[in-house]
Amino acid sequence: MYQSDITQFLNQLKEQKPTLEAEQRRGRSLLWDKQPVDLEERAEQQASRVQQTSYQYYQNF
């Protein structure tokens, strides 16, 4: 059965480093898998924000 060079390389890599897929999943979970957003907490955070002026460094006293 024919296997491309890339497939052969990936199979070799998986044989040499059997923990590769688990490490990839762990890295993905750190960067992409997020906890669900609590809508009540988000509303409280937005309500407690201080409105900024359009230009921060000029205050018309």
PDB file of N, CA and C in Angstrom:
ATOM      1  N   MET A   1       0.835  -1.176   0.000  1.00  0.00           N
ATOM      2  CA  MET A   1       0.000   0.000   0.000  1.00  0.00           C
ATOM      3  C   MET A   1       0.885   1.246   0.000  1.00  0.00           C
ATOM      4  N   TYR A   2       0.550   2.205  -0.829  1.00  0.00           N
ATOM      5  CA  TYR A   2       1.348   3.415  -0.958  1.00  0.00           C
ATOM      6  C   TYR A   2       1.108   4.351   0.222  1.00  0.00           C
ATOM      7  N   GLN A   3       2.205   4.918   0.746  1.00  0.00           N
ATOM      8  CA  GLN A   3       2.144   5.958   1.770  1.00  0.00           C
ATOM      9  C   GLN A   3       3.041   7.096   1.321  1.00  0.00           C
ATOM     10  N   SER A   4       2.522   8.294   1.420  1.00  0.00           N
ATOM     11  CA  SER A   4       3.315   9.451   1.005  1.00  0.00           C
ATOM     12  C   SER A   4       4.469   9.661   1.985  1.00  0.00           C
ATOM     13  N   ASP A   5       5.404  10.502   1.576  1.00  0.00           N
ATOM     14  CA  ASP A   5       6.550  10.802   2.426  1.00  0.00           C
ATOM     15  C   ASP A   5       6.109  11.451   3.742  1.00  0.00           C
ATOM     16  N   ILE A   6       5.109  12.294   3.658  1.00  0.00           N
ATOM     17  CA  ILE A   6       4.632  12.979   4.865  1.00  0.00           C
ATOM     18  C   ILE A   6       4.005  11.987   5.831  1.00  0.00           C
ATOM     19  N   THR A   7       3.210  11.055   5.307  1.00  0.00           N
ATOM     20  CA  THR A   7       2.594  10.039   6.159  1.00  0.00           C
ATOM     21  C   THR A   7       3.656   9.170   6.806  1.00  0.00           C
ATOM     22  N   GLN A   8       4.663   8.793   6.061  1.00  0.00           N
ATOM     23  CA  GLN A   8       5.755   7.989   6.621  1.00  0.00           C
ATOM     24  C   GLN A   8       6.480   8.765   7.715  1.00  0.00           C
ATOM     25  N   PHE A   9       6.724  10.054   7.465  1.00  0.00           N
ATOM     26  CA  PHE A   9       7.398  10.891   8.454  1.00  0.00           C
ATOM     27  C   PHE A   9       6.572  10.973   9.734  1.00  0.00           C
ATOM     28  N   LEU A  10       5.269  11.218   9.597  1.00  0.00           N
ATOM     29  CA  LEU A  10       4.413  11.321  10.788  1.00  0.00           C
ATOM     30  C   LEU A  10       4.355  10.006  11.557  1.00  0.00           C
ATOM     31  N   ASN A  11       4.279   8.902  10.851  1.00  0.00           N
ATOM     32  CA  ASN A  11       4.269   7.600  11.525  1.00  0.00           C
ATOM     33  C   ASN A  11       5.573   7.354  12.279  1.00  0.00           C
ATOM     34  N   GLN A  12       6.696   7.728  11.661  1.00  0.00           N
ATOM     35  CA  GLN A  12       8.000   7.597  12.331  1.00  0.00           C
ATOM     36  C   GLN A  12       8.059   8.475  13.573  1.00  0.00           C
ATOM     37  N   LEU A  13       7.591   9.692  13.438  1.00  0.00           N
ATOM     38  CA  LEU A  13       7.611  10.639  14.547  1.00  0.00           C
ATOM     39  C   LEU A  13       6.775  10.122  15.715  1.00  0.00           C
ATOM     40  N   LYS A  14       5.611   9.566  15.414  1.00  0.00           N
ATOM     41  CA  LYS A  14       4.745   9.015  16.469  1.00  0.00           C
ATOM     42  C   LYS A  14       5.378   7.799  17.141  1.00  0.00           C
ATOM     43  N   GLU A  15       6.127   7.016  16.379  1.00  0.00           N
ATOM     44  CA  GLU A  15       6.823   5.866  16.961  1.00  0.00           C
ATOM     45  C   GLU A  15       7.958   6.325  17.875  1.00  0.00           C
ATOM     46  N   GLN A  16       8.675   7.365  17.463  1.00  0.00           N
ATOM     47  CA  GLN A  16       9.797   7.867  18.250  1.00  0.00           C
ATOM     48  C   GLN A  16       9.331   8.599  19.495  1.00  0.00           C
ATOM     49  N   LYS A  17       8.213   9.272  19.388  1.00  0.00           N
ATOM     50  CA  LYS A  17       7.711  10.081  20.501  1.00  0.00           C
ATOM     51  C   LYS A  17       6.235   9.755  20.730  1.00  0.00           C
ATOM     52  N   PRO A  18       5.938   8.695  21.462  1.00  0.00           N
ATOM     53  CA  PRO A  18       4.542   8.261  21.624  1.00  0.00           C
ATOM     54  C   PRO A  18       3.670   9.246  22.413  1.00  0.00           C
ATOM     55  N   THR A  19       4.267  10.163  23.152  1.00  0.00           N
ATOM     56  CA  THR A  19       3.476  11.117  23.933  1.00  0.00           C
ATOM     57  C   THR A  19       3.148  12.387  23.145  1.00  0.00           C
ATOM     58  N   LEU A  20       3.480  12.420  21.881  1.00  0.00           N
ATOM     59  CA  LEU A  20       3.317  13.616  21.069  1.00  0.00           C
ATOM     60  C   LEU A  20       1.862  14.088  21.015  1.00  0.00           C
ATOM     61  N   GLU A  21       0.938  13.191  20.754  1.00  0.00           N
ATOM     62  CA  GLU A  21      -0.464  13.586  20.629  1.00  0.00           C
ATOM     63  C   GLU A  21      -1.015  14.108  21.952  1.00  0.00           C
ATOM     64  N   ALA A  22      -0.643  13.497  23.053  1.00  0.00           N
ATOM     65  CA  ALA A  22      -1.100  13.973  24.361  1.00  0.00           C
ATOM     66  C   ALA A  22      -0.545  15.361  24.658  1.00  0.00           C
ATOM     67  N   GLU A  23       0.695  15.607  24.290  1.00  0.00           N
ATOM     68  CA  GLU A  23       1.294  16.933  24.483  1.00  0.00           C
ATOM     69  C   GLU A  23       0.591  17.973  23.620  1.00  0.00           C
ATOM     70  N   GLN A  24       0.244  17.599  22.402  1.00  0.00           N
ATOM     71  CA  GLN A  24      -0.471  18.518  21.521  1.00  0.00           C
ATOM     72  C   GLN A  24      -1.842  18.858  22.088  1.00  0.00           C
ATOM     73  N   ARG A  25      -2.544  17.866  22.602  1.00  0.00           N
ATOM     74  CA  ARG A  25      -3.858  18.110  23.198  1.00  0.00           C
ATOM     75  C   ARG A  25      -3.749  19.007  24.430  1.00  0.00           C
ATOM     76  N   ARG A  26      -2.715  18.796  25.234  1.00  0.00           N
ATOM     77  CA  ARG A  26      -2.509  19.615  26.429  1.00  0.00           C
ATOM     78  C   ARG A  26      -2.236  21.067  26.025  1.00  0.00           C
ATOM     79  N   GLY A  27      -1.414  21.272  25.004  1.00  0.00           N
ATOM     80  CA  GLY A  27      -1.131  22.614  24.522  1.00  0.00           C
ATOM     81  C   GLY A  27      -2.358  23.287  23.938  1.00  0.00           C
ATOM     82  N   ARG A  28      -3.166  22.517  23.238  1.00  0.00           N
ATOM     83  CA  ARG A  28      -4.397  23.069  22.667  1.00  0.00           C
ATOM     84  C   ARG A  28      -5.329  23.506  23.780  1.00  0.00           C
ATOM     85  N   SER A  29      -5.429  22.711  24.820  1.00  0.00           N
ATOM     86  CA  SER A  29      -6.347  23.063  25.908  1.00  0.00           C
ATOM     87  C   SER A  29      -5.893  24.324  26.625  1.00  0.00           C
ATOM     88  N   LEU A  30      -4.585  24.561  26.695  1.00  0.00           N
ATOM     89  CA  LEU A  30      -4.096  25.780  27.331  1.00  0.00           C
ATOM     90  C   LEU A  30      -4.470  27.024  26.537  1.00  0.00           C
ATOM     91  N   LEU A  31      -4.404  26.928  25.216  1.00  0.00           N
ATOM     92  CA  LEU A  31      -4.603  28.106  24.381  1.00  0.00           C
ATOM     93  C   LEU A  31      -6.042  28.295  23.901  1.00  0.00           C
ATOM     94  N   TRP A  32      -6.771  27.224  23.656  1.00  0.00           N
ATOM     95  CA  TRP A  32      -8.044  27.356  22.966  1.00  0.00           C
ATOM     96  C   TRP A  32      -9.260  26.957  23.777  1.00  0.00           C
ATOM     97  N   ASP A  33      -9.154  25.968  24.641  1.00  0.00           N
ATOM     98  CA  ASP A  33     -10.323  25.510  25.390  1.00  0.00           C
ATOM     99  C   ASP A  33     -10.537  26.425  26.587  1.00  0.00           C
ATOM    100  N   LYS A  34     -11.612  27.174  26.564  1.00  0.00           N
ATOM    101  CA  LYS A  34     -11.894  28.150  27.608  1.00  0.00           C
ATOM    102  C   LYS A  34     -13.087  27.703  28.447  1.00  0.00           C
ATOM    103  N   GLN A  35     -13.130  28.204  29.674  1.00  0.00           N
ATOM    104  CA  GLN A  35     -14.253  27.923  30.559  1.00  0.00           C
ATOM    105  C   GLN A  35     -15.468  28.717  30.088  1.00  0.00           C
ATOM    106  N   PRO A  36     -16.674  28.212  30.350  1.00  0.00           N
ATOM    107  CA  PRO A  36     -17.868  28.966  29.964  1.00  0.00           C
ATOM    108  C   PRO A  36     -17.925  30.301  30.699  1.00  0.00           C
ATOM    109  N   VAL A  37     -18.497  31.292  30.043  1.00  0.00           N
ATOM    110  CA  VAL A  37     -18.573  32.642  30.594  1.00  0.00           C
ATOM    111  C   VAL A  37     -19.808  32.739  31.491  1.00  0.00           C
ATOM    112  N   ASP A  38     -19.607  33.256  32.706  1.00  0.00           N
ATOM    113  CA  ASP A  38     -20.721  33.505  33.610  1.00  0.00           C
ATOM    114  C   ASP A  38     -21.328  34.860  33.236  1.00  0.00           C
ATOM    115  N   LEU A  39     -22.556  34.850  32.737  1.00  0.00           N
ATOM    116  CA  LEU A  39     -23.160  36.069  32.212  1.00  0.00           C
ATOM    117  C   LEU A  39     -23.427  37.097  33.303  1.00  0.00           C
ATOM    118  N   GLU A  40     -23.780  36.658  34.499  1.00  0.00           N
ATOM    119  CA  GLU A  40     -24.024  37.601  35.592  1.00  0.00           C
ATOM    120  C   GLU A  40     -22.732  38.306  35.989  1.00  0.00           C
ATOM    121  N   GLU A  41     -21.656  37.549  36.082  1.00  0.00           N
ATOM    122  CA  GLU A  41     -20.361  38.135  36.438  1.00  0.00           C
ATOM    123  C   GLU A  41     -19.906  39.121  35.370  1.00  0.00           C
ATOM    124  N   ARG A  42     -20.110  38.766  34.106  1.00  0.00           N
ATOM    125  CA  ARG A  42     -19.725  39.667  33.022  1.00  0.00           C
ATOM    126  C   ARG A  42     -20.535  40.972  33.088  1.00  0.00           C
ATOM    127  N   ALA A  43     -21.822  40.878  33.384  1.00  0.00           N
ATOM    128  CA  ALA A  43     -22.656  42.073  33.491  1.00  0.00           C
ATOM    129  C   ALA A  43     -22.181  42.958  34.638  1.00  0.00           C
ATOM    130  N   GLU A  44     -21.803  42.356  35.762  1.00  0.00           N
ATOM    131  CA  GLU A  44     -21.281  43.122  36.892  1.00  0.00           C
ATOM    132  C   GLU A  44     -19.983  43.833  36.515  1.00  0.00           C
ATOM    133  N   GLN A  45     -19.112  43.148  35.811  1.00  0.00           N
ATOM    134  CA  GLN A  45     -17.841  43.741  35.399  1.00  0.00           C
ATOM    135  C   GLN A  45     -18.071  44.917  34.455  1.00  0.00           C
ATOM    136  N   GLN A  46     -18.977  44.760  33.522  1.00  0.00           N
ATOM    137  CA  GLN A  46     -19.249  45.851  32.587  1.00  0.00           C
ATOM    138  C   GLN A  46     -19.907  47.031  33.283  1.00  0.00           C
ATOM    139  N   ALA A  47     -20.759  46.764  34.279  1.00  0.00           N
ATOM    140  CA  ALA A  47     -21.428  47.842  35.003  1.00  0.00           C
ATOM    141  C   ALA A  47     -20.447  48.610  35.876  1.00  0.00           C
ATOM    142  N   SER A  48     -19.394  47.973  36.331  1.00  0.00           N
ATOM    143  CA  SER A  48     -18.457  48.626  37.240  1.00  0.00           C
ATOM    144  C   SER A  48     -17.340  49.381  36.508  1.00  0.00           C
ATOM    145  N   ARG A  49     -17.341  49.350  35.199  1.00  0.00           N
ATOM    146  CA  ARG A  49     -16.314  50.064  34.431  1.00  0.00           C
ATOM    147  C   ARG A  49     -16.517  51.568  34.522  1.00  0.00           C
ATOM    148  N   VAL A  50     -15.422  52.277  34.545  1.00  0.00           N
ATOM    149  CA  VAL A  50     -15.462  53.737  34.554  1.00  0.00           C
ATOM    150  C   VAL A  50     -15.381  54.213  33.106  1.00  0.00           C
ATOM    151  N   GLN A  51     -16.289  55.089  32.731  1.00  0.00           N
ATOM    152  CA  GLN A  51     -16.292  55.602  31.360  1.00  0.00           C
ATOM    153  C   GLN A  51     -15.055  56.466  31.131  1.00  0.00           C
ATOM    154  N   GLN A  52     -14.403  56.257  30.015  1.00  0.00           N
ATOM    155  CA  GLN A  52     -13.228  57.030  29.665  1.00  0.00           C
ATOM    156  C   GLN A  52     -13.621  58.170  28.743  1.00  0.00           C
ATOM    157  N   THR A  53     -12.855  59.241  28.836  1.00  0.00           N
ATOM    158  CA  THR A  53     -13.072  60.346  27.918  1.00  0.00           C
ATOM    159  C   THR A  53     -12.512  59.983  26.551  1.00  0.00           C
ATOM    160  N   SER A  54     -12.870  60.754  25.549  1.00  0.00           N
ATOM    161  CA  SER A  54     -12.439  60.427  24.196  1.00  0.00           C
ATOM    162  C   SER A  54     -10.932  60.605  24.019  1.00  0.00           C
ATOM    163  N   TYR A  55     -10.352  61.564  24.746  1.00  0.00           N
ATOM    164  CA  TYR A  55      -8.908  61.762  24.675  1.00  0.00           C
ATOM    165  C   TYR A  55      -8.377  61.778  26.103  1.00  0.00           C
ATOM    166  N   GLN A  56      -7.612  60.781  26.466  1.00  0.00           N
ATOM    167  CA  GLN A  56      -7.230  60.551  27.845  1.00  0.00           C
ATOM    168  C   GLN A  56      -6.298  61.600  28.425  1.00  0.00           C
ATOM    169  N   TYR A  57      -5.459  62.207  27.614  1.00  0.00           N
ATOM    170  CA  TYR A  57      -4.409  63.060  28.147  1.00  0.00           C
ATOM    171  C   TYR A  57      -4.795  64.529  28.235  1.00  0.00           C
ATOM    172  N   TYR A  58      -5.991  64.850  27.818  1.00  0.00           N
ATOM    173  CA  TYR A  58      -6.454  66.234  27.916  1.00  0.00           C
ATOM    174  C   TYR A  58      -7.694  66.266  28.803  1.00  0.00           C
ATOM    175  N   GLN A  59      -7.597  66.970  29.886  1.00  0.00           N
ATOM    176  CA  GLN A  59      -8.731  67.120  30.770  1.00  0.00           C
ATOM    177  C   GLN A  59      -9.112  68.596  30.794  1.00  0.00           C
ATOM    178  N   ASN A  60     -10.297  68.893  30.396  1.00  0.00           N
ATOM    179  CA  ASN A  60     -10.759  70.278  30.374  1.00  0.00           C
ATOM    180  C   ASN A  60     -11.265  70.648  31.762  1.00  0.00           C
ATOM    181  N   PHE A  61     -10.391  71.217  32.569  1.00  0.00           N
ATOM    182  CA  PHE A  61     -10.723  71.515  33.966  1.00  0.00           C
ATOM    183  C   PHE A  61     -11.529  72.757  34.065  1.00  0.00           C
TER     184      PHE A  61
END
